[in-house]
Amino acid sequence: MKKQELIHLHGLLAQVQNHYEEKTGNEVEHDEYERVNVRPTSIHMSKDDHKDAVFALAGGITSEMGDDKSEQVPAAAD
């Protein structure tokens, strides 16, 4: 995957996290993501840095969703 694609994926995952937190009121675990200290807007960071951030963010999101007792996240109104 190219760096630009990783940055795009990173941004999408950040939006998924924000949407999930807004809809459920549950906060996604940020410790690992904060440790990596790379944001989607950190375009000067290396491809590997963004890769680490993507894995940390995805791990936090999936872990929180796995712990969530509700059936599903409410869909966004169009």
N, C-alpha and C. Protein backbone atom coordinates (compact mmCIF):
# COMPACT_ATOMS: atom_id res chain seq x y z
N MET A 1 0.85 -1.17 0.00
CA MET A 1 0.00 0.00 0.00
C MET A 1 0.89 1.23 0.00
N LYS A 2 0.54 2.21 -0.79
CA LYS A 2 1.30 3.45 -0.88
C LYS A 2 1.03 4.33 0.34
N LYS A 3 1.97 5.24 0.61
CA LYS A 3 1.83 6.15 1.75
C LYS A 3 0.55 6.96 1.65
N GLN A 4 0.25 7.47 0.47
CA GLN A 4 -0.96 8.28 0.29
C GLN A 4 -2.21 7.47 0.61
N GLU A 5 -2.23 6.19 0.24
CA GLU A 5 -3.36 5.32 0.54
C GLU A 5 -3.48 5.08 2.05
N LEU A 6 -2.34 4.90 2.72
CA LEU A 6 -2.36 4.72 4.18
C LEU A 6 -2.89 5.97 4.88
N ILE A 7 -2.48 7.13 4.40
CA ILE A 7 -2.96 8.38 5.00
C ILE A 7 -4.47 8.50 4.81
N HIS A 8 -4.94 8.12 3.64
CA HIS A 8 -6.39 8.16 3.38
C HIS A 8 -7.13 7.19 4.30
N LEU A 9 -6.62 5.97 4.43
CA LEU A 9 -7.22 4.98 5.32
C LEU A 9 -7.19 5.46 6.76
N HIS A 10 -6.10 6.08 7.15
CA HIS A 10 -5.96 6.63 8.50
C HIS A 10 -7.07 7.66 8.76
N GLY A 11 -7.29 8.54 7.80
CA GLY A 11 -8.34 9.54 7.93
C GLY A 11 -9.73 8.92 8.02
N LEU A 12 -9.97 7.90 7.21
CA LEU A 12 -11.27 7.21 7.25
C LEU A 12 -11.50 6.53 8.59
N LEU A 13 -10.47 5.89 9.12
CA LEU A 13 -10.62 5.24 10.43
C LEU A 13 -10.87 6.26 11.53
N ALA A 14 -10.24 7.42 11.43
CA ALA A 14 -10.48 8.47 12.42
C ALA A 14 -11.95 8.92 12.35
N GLN A 15 -12.51 8.99 11.16
CA GLN A 15 -13.92 9.35 11.01
C GLN A 15 -14.82 8.26 11.57
N VAL A 16 -14.47 7.00 11.35
CA VAL A 16 -15.24 5.88 11.89
C VAL A 16 -15.23 5.96 13.41
N GLN A 17 -14.07 6.23 13.99
CA GLN A 17 -13.97 6.33 15.44
C GLN A 17 -14.86 7.45 15.95
N ASN A 18 -14.79 8.61 15.34
CA ASN A 18 -15.61 9.75 15.77
C ASN A 18 -17.10 9.43 15.65
N HIS A 19 -17.49 8.83 14.55
CA HIS A 19 -18.89 8.47 14.34
C HIS A 19 -19.36 7.47 15.40
N TYR A 20 -18.56 6.46 15.64
CA TYR A 20 -18.91 5.44 16.63
C TYR A 20 -19.08 6.07 18.01
N GLU A 21 -18.13 6.92 18.40
CA GLU A 21 -18.20 7.55 19.72
C GLU A 21 -19.41 8.46 19.84
N GLU A 22 -19.73 9.19 18.79
CA GLU A 22 -20.90 10.07 18.82
C GLU A 22 -22.20 9.29 18.92
N LYS A 23 -22.30 8.20 18.18
CA LYS A 23 -23.55 7.44 18.13
C LYS A 23 -23.77 6.57 19.36
N THR A 24 -22.70 6.05 19.95
CA THR A 24 -22.86 5.13 21.07
C THR A 24 -22.61 5.78 22.43
N GLY A 25 -21.85 6.87 22.44
CA GLY A 25 -21.46 7.47 23.70
C GLY A 25 -20.31 6.74 24.37
N ASN A 26 -19.80 5.70 23.72
CA ASN A 26 -18.65 4.95 24.23
C ASN A 26 -17.37 5.52 23.65
N GLU A 27 -16.35 5.63 24.48
CA GLU A 27 -15.08 6.14 24.00
C GLU A 27 -14.17 4.99 23.58
N VAL A 28 -13.59 5.11 22.41
CA VAL A 28 -12.65 4.11 21.90
C VAL A 28 -11.33 4.26 22.64
N GLU A 29 -10.71 3.14 23.00
CA GLU A 29 -9.43 3.14 23.70
C GLU A 29 -8.38 3.86 22.85
N HIS A 30 -7.74 4.88 23.43
CA HIS A 30 -6.79 5.70 22.68
C HIS A 30 -5.33 5.50 23.09
N ASP A 31 -5.05 4.70 24.09
CA ASP A 31 -3.69 4.62 24.63
C ASP A 31 -2.65 4.27 23.57
N GLU A 32 -2.87 3.20 22.84
CA GLU A 32 -1.90 2.78 21.82
C GLU A 32 -1.80 3.81 20.70
N TYR A 33 -2.93 4.34 20.29
CA TYR A 33 -2.95 5.35 19.23
C TYR A 33 -2.24 6.62 19.69
N GLU A 34 -2.45 7.02 20.93
CA GLU A 34 -1.76 8.19 21.46
C GLU A 34 -0.25 7.95 21.55
N ARG A 35 0.14 6.73 21.87
CA ARG A 35 1.57 6.40 21.96
C ARG A 35 2.25 6.57 20.60
N VAL A 36 1.56 6.16 19.54
CA VAL A 36 2.11 6.29 18.19
C VAL A 36 2.28 7.76 17.83
N ASN A 37 1.33 8.60 18.26
CA ASN A 37 1.41 10.06 18.09
C ASN A 37 1.51 10.49 16.62
N VAL A 38 0.69 9.88 15.77
CA VAL A 38 0.60 10.25 14.36
C VAL A 38 -0.87 10.45 14.04
N ARG A 39 -1.20 11.55 13.41
CA ARG A 39 -2.57 11.86 13.03
C ARG A 39 -2.69 11.81 11.51
N PRO A 40 -3.91 11.70 11.00
CA PRO A 40 -4.09 11.66 9.54
C PRO A 40 -3.50 12.89 8.84
N THR A 41 -3.45 14.00 9.54
CA THR A 41 -2.92 15.23 8.96
C THR A 41 -1.40 15.33 9.05
N SER A 42 -0.76 14.34 9.67
CA SER A 42 0.70 14.34 9.81
C SER A 42 1.35 13.76 8.55
N ILE A 43 1.19 14.48 7.44
CA ILE A 43 1.65 13.95 6.16
C ILE A 43 3.17 13.87 6.06
N HIS A 44 3.88 14.58 6.93
CA HIS A 44 5.33 14.55 6.93
C HIS A 44 5.88 13.27 7.58
N MET A 45 5.04 12.55 8.31
CA MET A 45 5.49 11.32 8.98
C MET A 45 5.66 10.22 7.95
N SER A 46 6.41 9.20 8.32
CA SER A 46 6.75 8.13 7.38
C SER A 46 5.57 7.19 7.13
N LYS A 47 5.70 6.43 6.09
CA LYS A 47 4.70 5.42 5.75
C LYS A 47 4.54 4.43 6.90
N ASP A 48 5.65 4.01 7.49
CA ASP A 48 5.59 3.07 8.62
C ASP A 48 4.90 3.68 9.83
N ASP A 49 5.10 4.97 10.05
CA ASP A 49 4.42 5.65 11.16
C ASP A 49 2.91 5.62 10.96
N HIS A 50 2.46 5.90 9.75
CA HIS A 50 1.03 5.86 9.46
C HIS A 50 0.49 4.44 9.54
N LYS A 51 1.30 3.47 9.14
CA LYS A 51 0.89 2.07 9.23
C LYS A 51 0.68 1.69 10.69
N ASP A 52 1.61 2.08 11.55
CA ASP A 52 1.46 1.81 12.98
C ASP A 52 0.21 2.48 13.54
N ALA A 53 -0.05 3.72 13.12
CA ALA A 53 -1.23 4.44 13.59
C ALA A 53 -2.52 3.77 13.12
N VAL A 54 -2.54 3.31 11.88
CA VAL A 54 -3.73 2.62 11.33
C VAL A 54 -4.02 1.37 12.14
N PHE A 55 -2.99 0.57 12.41
CA PHE A 55 -3.20 -0.65 13.19
C PHE A 55 -3.65 -0.35 14.62
N ALA A 56 -3.07 0.68 15.24
CA ALA A 56 -3.46 1.05 16.60
C ALA A 56 -4.90 1.54 16.63
N LEU A 57 -5.27 2.37 15.69
CA LEU A 57 -6.62 2.91 15.64
C LEU A 57 -7.64 1.82 15.33
N ALA A 58 -7.33 0.99 14.35
CA ALA A 58 -8.24 -0.11 14.00
C ALA A 58 -8.39 -1.08 15.17
N GLY A 59 -7.31 -1.34 15.87
CA GLY A 59 -7.38 -2.23 17.03
C GLY A 59 -8.26 -1.66 18.13
N GLY A 60 -8.13 -0.37 18.39
CA GLY A 60 -8.96 0.28 19.40
C GLY A 60 -10.44 0.27 19.03
N ILE A 61 -10.72 0.51 17.76
CA ILE A 61 -12.12 0.53 17.30
C ILE A 61 -12.73 -0.86 17.39
N THR A 62 -12.04 -1.86 16.87
CA THR A 62 -12.59 -3.22 16.86
C THR A 62 -12.71 -3.78 18.28
N SER A 63 -11.78 -3.42 19.14
CA SER A 63 -11.84 -3.88 20.52
C SER A 63 -13.06 -3.29 21.22
N GLU A 64 -13.29 -2.01 21.02
CA GLU A 64 -14.46 -1.35 21.63
C GLU A 64 -15.75 -1.92 21.07
N MET A 65 -15.80 -2.14 19.78
CA MET A 65 -17.02 -2.70 19.18
C MET A 65 -17.26 -4.12 19.66
N GLY A 66 -16.21 -4.86 19.90
CA GLY A 66 -16.36 -6.22 20.41
C GLY A 66 -16.86 -6.23 21.84
N ASP A 67 -16.49 -5.21 22.61
CA ASP A 67 -16.93 -5.09 24.00
C ASP A 67 -18.33 -4.51 24.12
N ASP A 68 -18.80 -3.85 23.06
CA ASP A 68 -20.10 -3.19 23.06
C ASP A 68 -21.20 -4.24 23.14
N LYS A 69 -22.08 -4.08 24.08
CA LYS A 69 -23.16 -5.05 24.30
C LYS A 69 -24.37 -4.82 23.40
N SER A 70 -24.43 -3.65 22.75
CA SER A 70 -25.57 -3.37 21.88
C SER A 70 -25.47 -4.18 20.60
N GLU A 71 -26.57 -4.34 19.94
CA GLU A 71 -26.62 -5.15 18.72
C GLU A 71 -25.89 -4.47 17.57
N GLN A 72 -26.07 -3.17 17.42
CA GLN A 72 -25.44 -2.47 16.31
C GLN A 72 -25.38 -0.98 16.60
N VAL A 73 -24.51 -0.30 15.87
CA VAL A 73 -24.41 1.15 15.96
C VAL A 73 -25.53 1.73 15.12
N PRO A 74 -26.28 2.70 15.65
CA PRO A 74 -27.35 3.30 14.85
C PRO A 74 -26.79 3.91 13.56
N ALA A 75 -27.50 3.74 12.48
CA ALA A 75 -27.08 4.28 11.19
C ALA A 75 -27.26 5.78 11.17
N ALA A 76 -26.42 6.43 10.39
CA ALA A 76 -26.52 7.87 10.25
C ALA A 76 -27.76 8.23 9.42
N ALA A 77 -28.40 9.30 9.80
CA ALA A 77 -29.57 9.76 9.05
C ALA A 77 -29.09 10.44 7.77
N ASP A 78 -29.70 10.12 6.67
CA ASP A 78 -29.30 10.73 5.40
C ASP A 78 -30.06 11.97 5.12
